[in-house]
């Protein structure tokens, strides 16, 4: 089984949802991290590293 970014998104979303339910104060950090990660992926930063 090959793991790609598109297959990781649902797993990351589930983990973030569970963390938000457990600790609602993490919402700001989780959203900020997600937006930064999506921005870097969209710019192709990770593609340039490989």
C-alpha atoms as a PDB file:
ATOM      1  CA  UNK A   1       0.000   0.000   0.000  1.00  0.00           C
ATOM      2  CA  UNK A   2       1.358   3.379  -1.014  1.00  0.00           C
ATOM      3  CA  UNK A   3       0.761   6.287   1.318  1.00  0.00           C
ATOM      4  CA  UNK A   4       0.305   9.606  -0.468  1.00  0.00           C
ATOM      5  CA  UNK A   5      -0.703  13.043   0.739  1.00  0.00           C
ATOM      6  CA  UNK A   6      -4.260  12.500  -0.457  1.00  0.00           C
ATOM      7  CA  UNK A   7      -4.580   9.347   1.637  1.00  0.00           C
ATOM      8  CA  UNK A   8      -3.132  11.080   4.713  1.00  0.00           C
ATOM      9  CA  UNK A   9      -5.660  13.930   4.742  1.00  0.00           C
ATOM     10  CA  UNK A  10      -8.558  11.893   6.214  1.00  0.00           C
ATOM     11  CA  UNK A  11      -6.279  10.453   8.894  1.00  0.00           C
ATOM     12  CA  UNK A  12      -5.000  13.908   9.827  1.00  0.00           C
ATOM     13  CA  UNK A  13      -8.565  15.265   9.887  1.00  0.00           C
ATOM     14  CA  UNK A  14      -9.691  12.475  12.226  1.00  0.00           C
ATOM     15  CA  UNK A  15      -6.749  12.998  14.556  1.00  0.00           C
ATOM     16  CA  UNK A  16      -7.354  16.753  14.626  1.00  0.00           C
ATOM     17  CA  UNK A  17     -11.051  16.223  15.347  1.00  0.00           C
ATOM     18  CA  UNK A  18     -10.324  13.903  18.245  1.00  0.00           C
ATOM     19  CA  UNK A  19      -7.751  16.300  19.699  1.00  0.00           C
ATOM     20  CA  UNK A  20     -10.215  19.191  19.444  1.00  0.00           C
ATOM     21  CA  UNK A  21     -12.864  17.140  21.261  1.00  0.00           C
ATOM     22  CA  UNK A  22     -10.419  16.233  24.021  1.00  0.00           C
ATOM     23  CA  UNK A  23      -8.794  19.648  24.377  1.00  0.00           C
ATOM     24  CA  UNK A  24     -10.800  22.488  22.768  1.00  0.00           C
ATOM     25  CA  UNK A  25      -8.002  24.979  23.460  1.00  0.00           C
ATOM     26  CA  UNK A  26      -5.931  23.220  20.790  1.00  0.00           C
ATOM     27  CA  UNK A  27      -8.312  24.398  18.075  1.00  0.00           C
ATOM     28  CA  UNK A  28      -6.297  27.536  17.269  1.00  0.00           C
ATOM     29  CA  UNK A  29      -3.025  25.618  17.009  1.00  0.00           C
ATOM     30  CA  UNK A  30      -4.490  22.783  14.951  1.00  0.00           C
ATOM     31  CA  UNK A  31      -6.105  25.176  12.480  1.00  0.00           C
ATOM     32  CA  UNK A  32      -2.936  27.244  12.204  1.00  0.00           C
ATOM     33  CA  UNK A  33      -0.774  24.159  11.631  1.00  0.00           C
ATOM     34  CA  UNK A  34      -3.213  22.836   9.030  1.00  0.00           C
ATOM     35  CA  UNK A  35      -3.301  26.117   7.127  1.00  0.00           C
ATOM     36  CA  UNK A  36       0.501  26.386   7.126  1.00  0.00           C
ATOM     37  CA  UNK A  37       0.860  22.785   5.946  1.00  0.00           C
ATOM     38  CA  UNK A  38      -1.706  23.223   3.155  1.00  0.00           C
ATOM     39  CA  UNK A  39       0.003  26.433   2.071  1.00  0.00           C
ATOM     40  CA  UNK A  40       3.418  24.791   1.917  1.00  0.00           C
ATOM     41  CA  UNK A  41       2.038  21.806   0.010  1.00  0.00           C
ATOM     42  CA  UNK A  42       0.259  24.152  -2.399  1.00  0.00           C
ATOM     43  CA  UNK A  43       3.485  26.035  -3.050  1.00  0.00           C
ATOM     44  CA  UNK A  44       5.271  22.780  -3.776  1.00  0.00           C
ATOM     45  CA  UNK A  45       7.841  23.123  -0.991  1.00  0.00           C
ATOM     46  CA  UNK A  46       7.779  19.409  -0.174  1.00  0.00           C
ATOM     47  CA  UNK A  47       7.988  18.449  -3.841  1.00  0.00           C
ATOM     48  CA  UNK A  48      11.222  20.438  -4.177  1.00  0.00           C
ATOM     49  CA  UNK A  49      12.797  18.583  -1.243  1.00  0.00           C
ATOM     50  CA  UNK A  50      12.445  15.130  -2.768  1.00  0.00           C
END
